[in-house]
PDB file of N, CA and C in Angstrom:
ATOM      1  N   MET A   1     -47.789 -34.279 -58.821  1.00  0.00           N
ATOM      2  CA  MET A   1     -48.249 -33.207 -59.759  1.00  0.00           C
ATOM      3  C   MET A   1     -49.532 -33.957 -60.110  1.00  0.00           C
ATOM      4  N   THR A   2     -50.386 -32.877 -60.326  1.00  0.00           N
ATOM      5  CA  THR A   2     -51.767 -32.874 -60.610  1.00  0.00           C
ATOM      6  C   THR A   2     -51.434 -33.404 -62.449  1.00  0.00           C
ATOM      7  N   ASP A   3     -53.024 -34.025 -62.759  1.00  0.00           N
ATOM      8  CA  ASP A   3     -52.565 -33.880 -64.183  1.00  0.00           C
ATOM      9  C   ASP A   3     -53.231 -32.380 -64.932  1.00  0.00           C
ATOM     10  N   SER A   4     -53.406 -32.698 -66.288  1.00  0.00           N
ATOM     11  CA  SER A   4     -53.843 -31.375 -67.449  1.00  0.00           C
ATOM     12  C   SER A   4     -54.581 -30.322 -66.933  1.00  0.00           C
ATOM     13  N   VAL A   5     -54.030 -29.364 -67.217  1.00  0.00           N
ATOM     14  CA  VAL A   5     -54.867 -27.862 -66.794  1.00  0.00           C
ATOM     15  C   VAL A   5     -55.553 -27.702 -68.003  1.00  0.00           C
ATOM     16  N   ALA A   6     -56.910 -26.938 -67.799  1.00  0.00           N
ATOM     17  CA  ALA A   6     -57.899 -26.677 -68.673  1.00  0.00           C
ATOM     18  C   ALA A   6     -57.341 -26.092 -70.273  1.00  0.00           C
ATOM     19  N   GLY A   7     -57.628 -26.197 -71.361  1.00  0.00           N
ATOM     20  CA  GLY A   7     -57.346 -25.580 -72.296  1.00  0.00           C
ATOM     21  C   GLY A   7     -57.497 -24.381 -72.573  1.00  0.00           C
ATOM     22  N   GLU A   8     -57.055 -23.387 -73.646  1.00  0.00           N
ATOM     23  CA  GLU A   8     -58.205 -22.462 -74.245  1.00  0.00           C
ATOM     24  C   GLU A   8     -58.146 -22.318 -75.614  1.00  0.00           C
ATOM     25  N   ASN A   9     -59.220 -21.728 -76.287  1.00  0.00           N
ATOM     26  CA  ASN A   9     -59.686 -21.676 -77.294  1.00  0.00           C
ATOM     27  C   ASN A   9     -59.746 -20.264 -77.473  1.00  0.00           C
ATOM     28  N   SER A  10     -59.710 -19.623 -78.841  1.00  0.00           N
ATOM     29  CA  SER A  10     -60.278 -18.614 -79.360  1.00  0.00           C
ATOM     30  C   SER A  10     -60.040 -18.796 -80.932  1.00  0.00           C
ATOM     31  N   ASP A  11     -61.388 -17.595 -81.454  1.00  0.00           N
ATOM     32  CA  ASP A  11     -61.545 -17.320 -82.604  1.00  0.00           C
ATOM     33  C   ASP A  11     -61.147 -16.113 -82.966  1.00  0.00           C
ATOM     34  N   LEU A  12     -60.343 -15.953 -84.113  1.00  0.00           N
ATOM     35  CA  LEU A  12     -60.022 -14.601 -84.762  1.00  0.00           C
ATOM     36  C   LEU A  12     -60.644 -14.536 -86.129  1.00  0.00           C
ATOM     37  N   PHE A  13     -60.912 -13.087 -86.636  1.00  0.00           N
ATOM     38  CA  PHE A  13     -61.364 -12.876 -87.907  1.00  0.00           C
ATOM     39  C   PHE A  13     -60.139 -12.222 -88.590  1.00  0.00           C
ATOM     40  N   ILE A  14     -59.571 -12.795 -89.512  1.00  0.00           N
ATOM     41  CA  ILE A  14     -58.316 -12.083 -90.253  1.00  0.00           C
ATOM     42  C   ILE A  14     -58.909 -12.013 -91.760  1.00  0.00           C
ATOM     43  N   GLN A  15     -59.170 -10.684 -92.266  1.00  0.00           N
ATOM     44  CA  GLN A  15     -59.228 -10.572 -93.471  1.00  0.00           C
ATOM     45  C   GLN A  15     -60.508 -11.608 -94.466  1.00  0.00           C
ATOM     46  N   GLY A  16     -61.304 -11.554 -93.266  1.00  0.00           N
ATOM     47  CA  GLY A  16     -62.672 -12.197 -93.575  1.00  0.00           C
ATOM     48  C   GLY A  16     -62.484 -13.655 -93.220  1.00  0.00           C
ATOM     49  N   GLN A  17     -61.606 -14.236 -92.699  1.00  0.00           N
ATOM     50  CA  GLN A  17     -61.288 -15.613 -92.542  1.00  0.00           C
ATOM     51  C   GLN A  17     -61.270 -15.640 -91.286  1.00  0.00           C
ATOM     52  N   LYS A  18     -61.949 -16.888 -90.601  1.00  0.00           N
ATOM     53  CA  LYS A  18     -61.834 -17.435 -89.289  1.00  0.00           C
ATOM     54  C   LYS A  18     -60.721 -18.215 -88.753  1.00  0.00           C
ATOM     55  N   ILE A  19     -60.185 -17.959 -87.908  1.00  0.00           N
ATOM     56  CA  ILE A  19     -58.924 -18.528 -87.652  1.00  0.00           C
ATOM     57  C   ILE A  19     -59.479 -19.155 -86.261  1.00  0.00           C
ATOM     58  N   HIS A  20     -59.193 -20.359 -86.160  1.00  0.00           N
ATOM     59  CA  HIS A  20     -59.491 -20.903 -84.486  1.00  0.00           C
ATOM     60  C   HIS A  20     -58.138 -21.143 -84.025  1.00  0.00           C
ATOM     61  N   ILE A  21     -57.959 -21.066 -82.635  1.00  0.00           N
ATOM     62  CA  ILE A  21     -56.711 -21.304 -81.853  1.00  0.00           C
ATOM     63  C   ILE A  21     -56.719 -22.103 -80.766  1.00  0.00           C
ATOM     64  N   GLN A  22     -56.420 -23.181 -80.703  1.00  0.00           N
ATOM     65  CA  GLN A  22     -56.557 -24.286 -79.337  1.00  0.00           C
ATOM     66  C   GLN A  22     -55.315 -24.446 -78.902  1.00  0.00           C
ATOM     67  N   THR A  23     -55.280 -24.287 -77.615  1.00  0.00           N
ATOM     68  CA  THR A  23     -54.152 -24.690 -76.853  1.00  0.00           C
ATOM     69  C   THR A  23     -54.429 -25.661 -75.561  1.00  0.00           C
ATOM     70  N   GLU A  24     -53.588 -26.759 -75.673  1.00  0.00           N
ATOM     71  CA  GLU A  24     -54.277 -27.887 -74.438  1.00  0.00           C
ATOM     72  C   GLU A  24     -52.632 -28.280 -74.141  1.00  0.00           C
ATOM     73  N   ASP A  25     -53.285 -28.716 -72.601  1.00  0.00           N
ATOM     74  CA  ASP A  25     -52.113 -29.374 -72.166  1.00  0.00           C
ATOM     75  C   ASP A  25     -52.101 -30.812 -72.077  1.00  0.00           C
ATOM     76  N   TRP A  26     -51.507 -31.884 -72.726  1.00  0.00           N
ATOM     77  CA  TRP A  26     -51.539 -33.140 -73.058  1.00  0.00           C
ATOM     78  C   TRP A  26     -51.404 -33.971 -71.697  1.00  0.00           C
ATOM     79  N   GLY A  27     -50.870 -33.284 -70.747  1.00  0.00           N
ATOM     80  CA  GLY A  27     -50.804 -34.109 -69.129  1.00  0.00           C
ATOM     81  C   GLY A  27     -49.731 -34.753 -69.013  1.00  0.00           C
ATOM     82  N   LEU A  28     -49.655 -35.457 -67.980  1.00  0.00           N
ATOM     83  CA  LEU A  28     -48.260 -35.764 -67.199  1.00  0.00           C
ATOM     84  C   LEU A  28     -47.479 -37.059 -68.127  1.00  0.00           C
ATOM     85  N   MET A  29     -48.390 -38.091 -68.837  1.00  0.00           N
ATOM     86  CA  MET A  29     -47.864 -38.950 -69.760  1.00  0.00           C
ATOM     87  C   MET A  29     -47.186 -38.425 -71.226  1.00  0.00           C
ATOM     88  N   GLN A  30     -47.705 -37.515 -71.618  1.00  0.00           N
ATOM     89  CA  GLN A  30     -46.839 -36.628 -72.559  1.00  0.00           C
ATOM     90  C   GLN A  30     -46.203 -35.476 -72.455  1.00  0.00           C
ATOM     91  N   LYS A  31     -46.681 -35.039 -70.994  1.00  0.00           N
ATOM     92  CA  LYS A  31     -45.794 -33.639 -70.939  1.00  0.00           C
ATOM     93  C   LYS A  31     -45.501 -32.613 -71.736  1.00  0.00           C
ATOM     94  N   VAL A  32     -46.101 -32.294 -72.406  1.00  0.00           N
ATOM     95  CA  VAL A  32     -46.056 -31.302 -73.315  1.00  0.00           C
ATOM     96  C   VAL A  32     -47.297 -30.400 -73.635  1.00  0.00           C
ATOM     97  N   MET A  33     -47.098 -28.905 -74.192  1.00  0.00           N
ATOM     98  CA  MET A  33     -48.291 -28.608 -74.174  1.00  0.00           C
ATOM     99  C   MET A  33     -48.301 -27.834 -75.548  1.00  0.00           C
ATOM    100  N   VAL A  34     -49.122 -28.104 -76.260  1.00  0.00           N
ATOM    101  CA  VAL A  34     -49.493 -27.768 -77.863  1.00  0.00           C
ATOM    102  C   VAL A  34     -50.543 -26.821 -78.295  1.00  0.00           C
ATOM    103  N   SER A  35     -50.289 -25.619 -78.882  1.00  0.00           N
ATOM    104  CA  SER A  35     -51.145 -25.078 -79.502  1.00  0.00           C
ATOM    105  C   SER A  35     -51.409 -24.825 -80.988  1.00  0.00           C
ATOM    106  N   ARG A  36     -52.204 -24.843 -81.444  1.00  0.00           N
ATOM    107  CA  ARG A  36     -52.710 -24.704 -82.624  1.00  0.00           C
ATOM    108  C   ARG A  36     -53.569 -23.984 -83.515  1.00  0.00           C
ATOM    109  N   ALA A  37     -53.252 -23.455 -84.641  1.00  0.00           N
ATOM    110  CA  ALA A  37     -54.114 -22.585 -85.469  1.00  0.00           C
ATOM    111  C   ALA A  37     -54.785 -23.359 -86.578  1.00  0.00           C
ATOM    112  N   PHE A  38     -55.877 -23.263 -86.202  1.00  0.00           N
ATOM    113  CA  PHE A  38     -56.500 -23.849 -87.446  1.00  0.00           C
ATOM    114  C   PHE A  38     -57.245 -22.698 -88.584  1.00  0.00           C
ATOM    115  N   GLN A  39     -56.985 -23.400 -89.770  1.00  0.00           N
ATOM    116  CA  GLN A  39     -58.252 -22.683 -90.724  1.00  0.00           C
ATOM    117  C   GLN A  39     -58.687 -23.435 -91.377  1.00  0.00           C
ATOM    118  N   ASN A  40     -60.166 -23.334 -91.731  1.00  0.00           N
ATOM    119  CA  ASN A  40     -60.741 -24.248 -92.516  1.00  0.00           C
ATOM    120  C   ASN A  40     -60.551 -25.888 -92.182  1.00  0.00           C
ATOM    121  N   GLY A  41     -60.368 -26.316 -90.623  1.00  0.00           N
ATOM    122  CA  GLY A  41     -59.979 -27.476 -90.889  1.00  0.00           C
ATOM    123  C   GLY A  41     -58.989 -27.957 -90.348  1.00  0.00           C
ATOM    124  N   SER A  42     -57.635 -26.942 -91.273  1.00  0.00           N
ATOM    125  CA  SER A  42     -56.496 -27.749 -91.436  1.00  0.00           C
ATOM    126  C   SER A  42     -55.362 -26.519 -90.663  1.00  0.00           C
ATOM    127  N   VAL A  43     -54.522 -27.362 -90.354  1.00  0.00           N
ATOM    128  CA  VAL A  43     -53.799 -26.806 -89.297  1.00  0.00           C
ATOM    129  C   VAL A  43     -52.400 -25.797 -90.226  1.00  0.00           C
ATOM    130  N   LEU A  44     -52.904 -24.480 -89.728  1.00  0.00           N
ATOM    131  CA  LEU A  44     -51.556 -23.652 -90.325  1.00  0.00           C
ATOM    132  C   LEU A  44     -50.247 -23.657 -89.661  1.00  0.00           C
ATOM    133  N   LYS A  45     -50.223 -23.699 -87.976  1.00  0.00           N
ATOM    134  CA  LYS A  45     -49.143 -23.695 -87.189  1.00  0.00           C
ATOM    135  C   LYS A  45     -49.711 -24.358 -86.156  1.00  0.00           C
ATOM    136  N   THR A  46     -48.206 -25.490 -85.492  1.00  0.00           N
ATOM    137  CA  THR A  46     -48.177 -25.677 -84.512  1.00  0.00           C
ATOM    138  C   THR A  46     -46.999 -25.522 -83.595  1.00  0.00           C
ATOM    139  N   PHE A  47     -47.370 -24.777 -82.267  1.00  0.00           N
ATOM    140  CA  PHE A  47     -46.368 -24.744 -81.349  1.00  0.00           C
ATOM    141  C   PHE A  47     -46.500 -25.744 -80.300  1.00  0.00           C
ATOM    142  N   LYS A  48     -45.394 -26.105 -79.638  1.00  0.00           N
ATOM    143  CA  LYS A  48     -45.198 -27.244 -78.186  1.00  0.00           C
ATOM    144  C   LYS A  48     -44.149 -27.021 -77.463  1.00  0.00           C
ATOM    145  N   LEU A  49     -44.811 -26.747 -76.317  1.00  0.00           N
ATOM    146  CA  LEU A  49     -44.122 -26.708 -75.106  1.00  0.00           C
ATOM    147  C   LEU A  49     -43.773 -27.714 -73.926  1.00  0.00           C
ATOM    148  N   PRO A  50     -42.604 -28.337 -74.173  1.00  0.00           N
ATOM    149  CA  PRO A  50     -42.359 -29.256 -73.338  1.00  0.00           C
ATOM    150  C   PRO A  50     -42.129 -29.023 -71.675  1.00  0.00           C
ATOM    151  N   TYR A  51     -42.677 -29.835 -71.250  1.00  0.00           N
ATOM    152  CA  TYR A  51     -42.786 -29.314 -69.137  1.00  0.00           C
ATOM    153  C   TYR A  51     -41.768 -28.805 -68.841  1.00  0.00           C
ATOM    154  N   GLU A  52     -40.677 -29.696 -69.521  1.00  0.00           N
ATOM    155  CA  GLU A  52     -39.006 -29.251 -69.058  1.00  0.00           C
ATOM    156  C   GLU A  52     -38.544 -27.619 -69.046  1.00  0.00           C
ATOM    157  N   LYS A  53     -39.346 -27.269 -70.033  1.00  0.00           N
ATOM    158  CA  LYS A  53     -39.209 -25.761 -70.493  1.00  0.00           C
ATOM    159  C   LYS A  53     -39.837 -24.929 -69.401  1.00  0.00           C
ATOM    160  N   ILE A  54     -41.036 -25.422 -68.898  1.00  0.00           N
ATOM    161  CA  ILE A  54     -41.544 -24.448 -68.012  1.00  0.00           C
ATOM    162  C   ILE A  54     -40.669 -24.487 -66.460  1.00  0.00           C
ATOM    163  N   PRO A  55     -40.917 -23.507 -65.876  1.00  0.00           N
ATOM    164  CA  PRO A  55     -40.073 -23.323 -64.355  1.00  0.00           C
ATOM    165  C   PRO A  55     -41.195 -24.220 -63.528  1.00  0.00           C
ATOM    166  N   GLN A  56     -40.916 -24.706 -62.414  1.00  0.00           N
ATOM    167  CA  GLN A  56     -41.790 -25.106 -61.708  1.00  0.00           C
ATOM    168  C   GLN A  56     -42.820 -26.209 -62.133  1.00  0.00           C
ATOM    169  N   ALA A  57     -42.556 -26.891 -62.997  1.00  0.00           N
ATOM    170  CA  ALA A  57     -43.625 -27.712 -63.899  1.00  0.00           C
ATOM    171  C   ALA A  57     -44.627 -28.144 -62.771  1.00  0.00           C
ATOM    172  N   GLU A  58     -44.086 -29.116 -62.236  1.00  0.00           N
ATOM    173  CA  GLU A  58     -44.603 -29.651 -60.923  1.00  0.00           C
ATOM    174  C   GLU A  58     -46.158 -28.836 -60.138  1.00  0.00           C
ATOM    175  N   LEU A  59     -46.122 -27.437 -60.334  1.00  0.00           N
ATOM    176  CA  LEU A  59     -46.997 -26.782 -59.786  1.00  0.00           C
ATOM    177  C   LEU A  59     -48.258 -26.211 -60.963  1.00  0.00           C
ATOM    178  N   GLN A  60     -49.395 -27.057 -60.726  1.00  0.00           N
ATOM    179  CA  GLN A  60     -50.539 -26.385 -61.339  1.00  0.00           C
ATOM    180  C   GLN A  60     -50.564 -25.314 -62.196  1.00  0.00           C
ATOM    181  N   SER A  61     -50.215 -24.287 -60.839  1.00  0.00           N
ATOM    182  CA  SER A  61     -50.205 -22.704 -61.227  1.00  0.00           C
ATOM    183  C   SER A  61     -49.273 -22.250 -62.300  1.00  0.00           C
ATOM    184  N   GLN A  62     -48.026 -23.320 -62.072  1.00  0.00           N
ATOM    185  CA  GLN A  62     -47.242 -22.476 -63.406  1.00  0.00           C
ATOM    186  C   GLN A  62     -47.781 -23.250 -64.623  1.00  0.00           C
ATOM    187  N   ARG A  63     -48.135 -24.504 -64.774  1.00  0.00           N
ATOM    188  CA  ARG A  63     -48.516 -25.041 -66.512  1.00  0.00           C
ATOM    189  C   ARG A  63     -49.745 -24.238 -66.763  1.00  0.00           C
ATOM    190  N   LYS A  64     -50.337 -23.673 -65.454  1.00  0.00           N
ATOM    191  CA  LYS A  64     -51.750 -22.539 -66.063  1.00  0.00           C
ATOM    192  C   LYS A  64     -51.148 -21.597 -66.685  1.00  0.00           C
ATOM    193  N   LEU A  65     -50.111 -20.769 -66.346  1.00  0.00           N
ATOM    194  CA  LEU A  65     -49.500 -19.759 -66.584  1.00  0.00           C
ATOM    195  C   LEU A  65     -48.494 -19.981 -67.809  1.00  0.00           C
ATOM    196  N   ALA A  66     -48.173 -20.865 -68.067  1.00  0.00           N
ATOM    197  CA  ALA A  66     -47.441 -21.262 -69.662  1.00  0.00           C
ATOM    198  C   ALA A  66     -48.281 -21.370 -70.750  1.00  0.00           C
ATOM    199  N   LEU A  67     -49.441 -22.290 -70.060  1.00  0.00           N
ATOM    200  CA  LEU A  67     -50.845 -22.353 -71.278  1.00  0.00           C
ATOM    201  C   LEU A  67     -51.347 -20.906 -71.813  1.00  0.00           C
ATOM    202  N   ALA A  68     -51.309 -20.269 -70.726  1.00  0.00           N
ATOM    203  CA  ALA A  68     -51.934 -18.806 -71.157  1.00  0.00           C
ATOM    204  C   ALA A  68     -50.747 -18.276 -72.215  1.00  0.00           C
ATOM    205  N   LYS A  69     -49.521 -17.929 -71.644  1.00  0.00           N
ATOM    206  CA  LYS A  69     -48.747 -17.390 -72.502  1.00  0.00           C
ATOM    207  C   LYS A  69     -48.522 -18.036 -73.788  1.00  0.00           C
ATOM    208  N   LEU A  70     -48.306 -19.567 -73.842  1.00  0.00           N
ATOM    209  CA  LEU A  70     -48.269 -19.979 -75.310  1.00  0.00           C
ATOM    210  C   LEU A  70     -49.626 -19.731 -76.152  1.00  0.00           C
ATOM    211  N   HIS A  71     -50.761 -19.875 -75.507  1.00  0.00           N
ATOM    212  CA  HIS A  71     -51.926 -19.597 -76.174  1.00  0.00           C
ATOM    213  C   HIS A  71     -51.852 -18.194 -77.015  1.00  0.00           C
ATOM    214  N   GLN A  72     -51.376 -16.925 -75.864  1.00  0.00           N
ATOM    215  CA  GLN A  72     -50.782 -15.819 -76.553  1.00  0.00           C
ATOM    216  C   GLN A  72     -49.695 -15.679 -77.722  1.00  0.00           C
ATOM    217  N   HIS A  73     -49.009 -16.148 -77.445  1.00  0.00           N
ATOM    218  CA  HIS A  73     -47.821 -16.637 -78.247  1.00  0.00           C
ATOM    219  C   HIS A  73     -48.346 -16.625 -79.366  1.00  0.00           C
ATOM    220  N   THR A  74     -49.089 -18.096 -79.659  1.00  0.00           N
ATOM    221  CA  THR A  74     -49.675 -18.509 -80.869  1.00  0.00           C
ATOM    222  C   THR A  74     -50.692 -17.308 -81.427  1.00  0.00           C
ATOM    223  N   LEU A  75     -51.567 -16.267 -80.861  1.00  0.00           N
ATOM    224  CA  LEU A  75     -52.330 -15.221 -81.206  1.00  0.00           C
ATOM    225  C   LEU A  75     -51.399 -14.170 -81.712  1.00  0.00           C
ATOM    226  N   THR A  76     -50.505 -14.315 -81.246  1.00  0.00           N
ATOM    227  CA  THR A  76     -49.324 -12.917 -81.724  1.00  0.00           C
ATOM    228  C   THR A  76     -49.114 -13.496 -82.818  1.00  0.00           C
ATOM    229  N   TRP A  77     -48.579 -14.863 -82.875  1.00  0.00           N
ATOM    230  CA  TRP A  77     -47.959 -15.028 -84.528  1.00  0.00           C
ATOM    231  C   TRP A  77     -49.098 -15.184 -85.318  1.00  0.00           C
ATOM    232  N   ILE A  78     -50.262 -15.404 -85.399  1.00  0.00           N
ATOM    233  CA  ILE A  78     -51.198 -15.436 -86.200  1.00  0.00           C
ATOM    234  C   ILE A  78     -51.407 -13.903 -86.735  1.00  0.00           C
ATOM    235  N   GLN A  79     -51.573 -13.322 -85.740  1.00  0.00           N
ATOM    236  CA  GLN A  79     -51.774 -11.501 -85.874  1.00  0.00           C
ATOM    237  C   GLN A  79     -50.605 -11.092 -87.161  1.00  0.00           C
ATOM    238  N   GLY A  80     -49.333 -11.759 -86.318  1.00  0.00           N
ATOM    239  CA  GLY A  80     -48.320 -11.363 -87.542  1.00  0.00           C
ATOM    240  C   GLY A  80     -48.270 -11.719 -88.328  1.00  0.00           C
ATOM    241  N   GLN A  81     -49.215 -12.863 -89.205  1.00  0.00           N
ATOM    242  CA  GLN A  81     -49.050 -13.265 -90.364  1.00  0.00           C
ATOM    243  C   GLN A  81     -50.094 -12.584 -91.344  1.00  0.00           C
ATOM    244  N   ALA A  82     -50.947 -11.708 -90.539  1.00  0.00           N
ATOM    245  CA  ALA A  82     -51.727 -10.807 -91.827  1.00  0.00           C
ATOM    246  C   ALA A  82     -51.428 -10.049 -92.907  1.00  0.00           C
TER     247      ALA A  82
END
């Protein structure tokens, strides 16, 4: 299994407020992906996805797909809070 996959970042503007979404793969030592929503430097919400919940996590392509889905889940959650 190769090390972590590249993360994703997005900025949303909701009701005039900037929300930053950052999703990372913490790699083989931690075996978890983490997605966080920030506003003014403070964490609004954190979602974690352990590798054990990713089908075929040993494949980098599966981890890339899982990271993209986790990032989208966080974006959807934030938009639902507006």
